[in-house]
Amino acid sequence: MTRGNQREQDRLKAQKKLAANAKGKKESATSLQKRREADAEALREKQKRKEEQAGGGGAAAAGGTKK
């Protein structure tokens, strides 16, 4: 556990690091839109695979009848 001045020093260091990273990270509107579309597509694919995986095993068991 950090105590006393060390906690404050670490907090200031983290703030400086975040400020330095935020300066050069400006995105244009077109690149932001493209990134959002790519992220959305990736999430759709992931959700589709998950539904197929969950639905594939459950549909075979639910669809069949035992005699």
Protein backbone atom coordinates (compact mmCIF):
# COMPACT_ATOMS: atom_id res chain seq x y z
CA MET A 1 0.00 0.00 0.00
CA THR A 2 1.38 3.39 -0.89
CA ARG A 3 1.38 6.00 1.80
CA GLY A 4 1.77 9.72 2.16
CA ASN A 5 3.44 11.59 -0.67
CA GLN A 6 3.94 8.52 -2.87
CA ARG A 7 0.22 8.24 -3.58
CA GLU A 8 0.09 11.85 -4.73
CA GLN A 9 3.22 11.41 -6.84
CA ASP A 10 1.73 8.37 -8.58
CA ARG A 11 -1.51 10.24 -9.24
CA LEU A 12 0.35 13.17 -10.85
CA LYS A 13 2.44 10.80 -12.94
CA ALA A 14 -0.67 9.05 -14.22
CA GLN A 15 -2.34 12.36 -15.09
CA LYS A 16 0.71 13.49 -17.05
CA LYS A 17 0.82 10.20 -18.93
CA LEU A 18 -2.87 10.44 -19.87
CA ALA A 19 -2.46 14.05 -20.99
CA ALA A 20 0.52 13.15 -23.18
CA ASN A 21 -1.38 10.29 -24.83
CA ALA A 22 -4.48 12.41 -25.44
CA LYS A 23 -2.61 15.17 -27.30
CA GLY A 24 -1.70 13.19 -30.41
CA LYS A 25 -4.82 11.06 -30.66
CA LYS A 26 -7.16 13.21 -32.75
CA GLU A 27 -9.25 11.20 -35.23
CA SER A 28 -10.91 12.60 -38.29
CA ALA A 29 -14.64 12.10 -38.72
CA THR A 30 -14.17 9.64 -41.57
CA SER A 31 -11.67 7.45 -39.73
CA LEU A 32 -13.84 7.53 -36.63
CA GLN A 33 -16.86 6.42 -38.67
CA LYS A 34 -14.86 3.64 -40.35
CA ARG A 35 -13.59 2.41 -36.99
CA ARG A 36 -17.12 2.40 -35.55
CA GLU A 37 -18.41 0.43 -38.55
CA ALA A 38 -15.58 -2.09 -38.25
CA ASP A 39 -16.19 -2.49 -34.52
CA ALA A 40 -19.92 -2.96 -35.07
CA GLU A 41 -19.29 -5.57 -37.76
CA ALA A 42 -16.89 -7.45 -35.50
CA LEU A 43 -19.45 -7.47 -32.70
CA ARG A 44 -22.16 -8.72 -35.06
CA GLU A 45 -19.92 -11.57 -36.20
CA LYS A 46 -19.04 -12.46 -32.62
CA GLN A 47 -22.70 -12.47 -31.61
CA LYS A 48 -23.63 -14.59 -34.63
CA ARG A 49 -20.95 -17.19 -33.79
CA LYS A 50 -22.11 -17.28 -30.17
CA GLU A 51 -25.75 -17.77 -31.18
CA GLU A 52 -24.79 -20.53 -33.62
CA GLN A 53 -22.73 -22.26 -30.97
CA ALA A 54 -25.49 -22.03 -28.35
CA GLY A 55 -28.27 -22.72 -30.83
CA GLY A 56 -26.52 -25.60 -32.59
CA GLY A 57 -26.27 -27.82 -29.52
CA GLY A 58 -29.63 -26.80 -28.08
CA ALA A 59 -31.60 -27.06 -31.33
CA ALA A 60 -30.57 -30.66 -31.98
CA ALA A 61 -31.52 -31.73 -28.47
CA ALA A 62 -34.81 -29.79 -28.46
CA GLY A 63 -35.84 -30.72 -32.01
CA GLY A 64 -35.50 -34.49 -31.63
CA THR A 65 -38.02 -36.72 -29.89
CA LYS A 66 -37.10 -39.86 -28.04
CA LYS A 67 -39.10 -43.05 -28.57
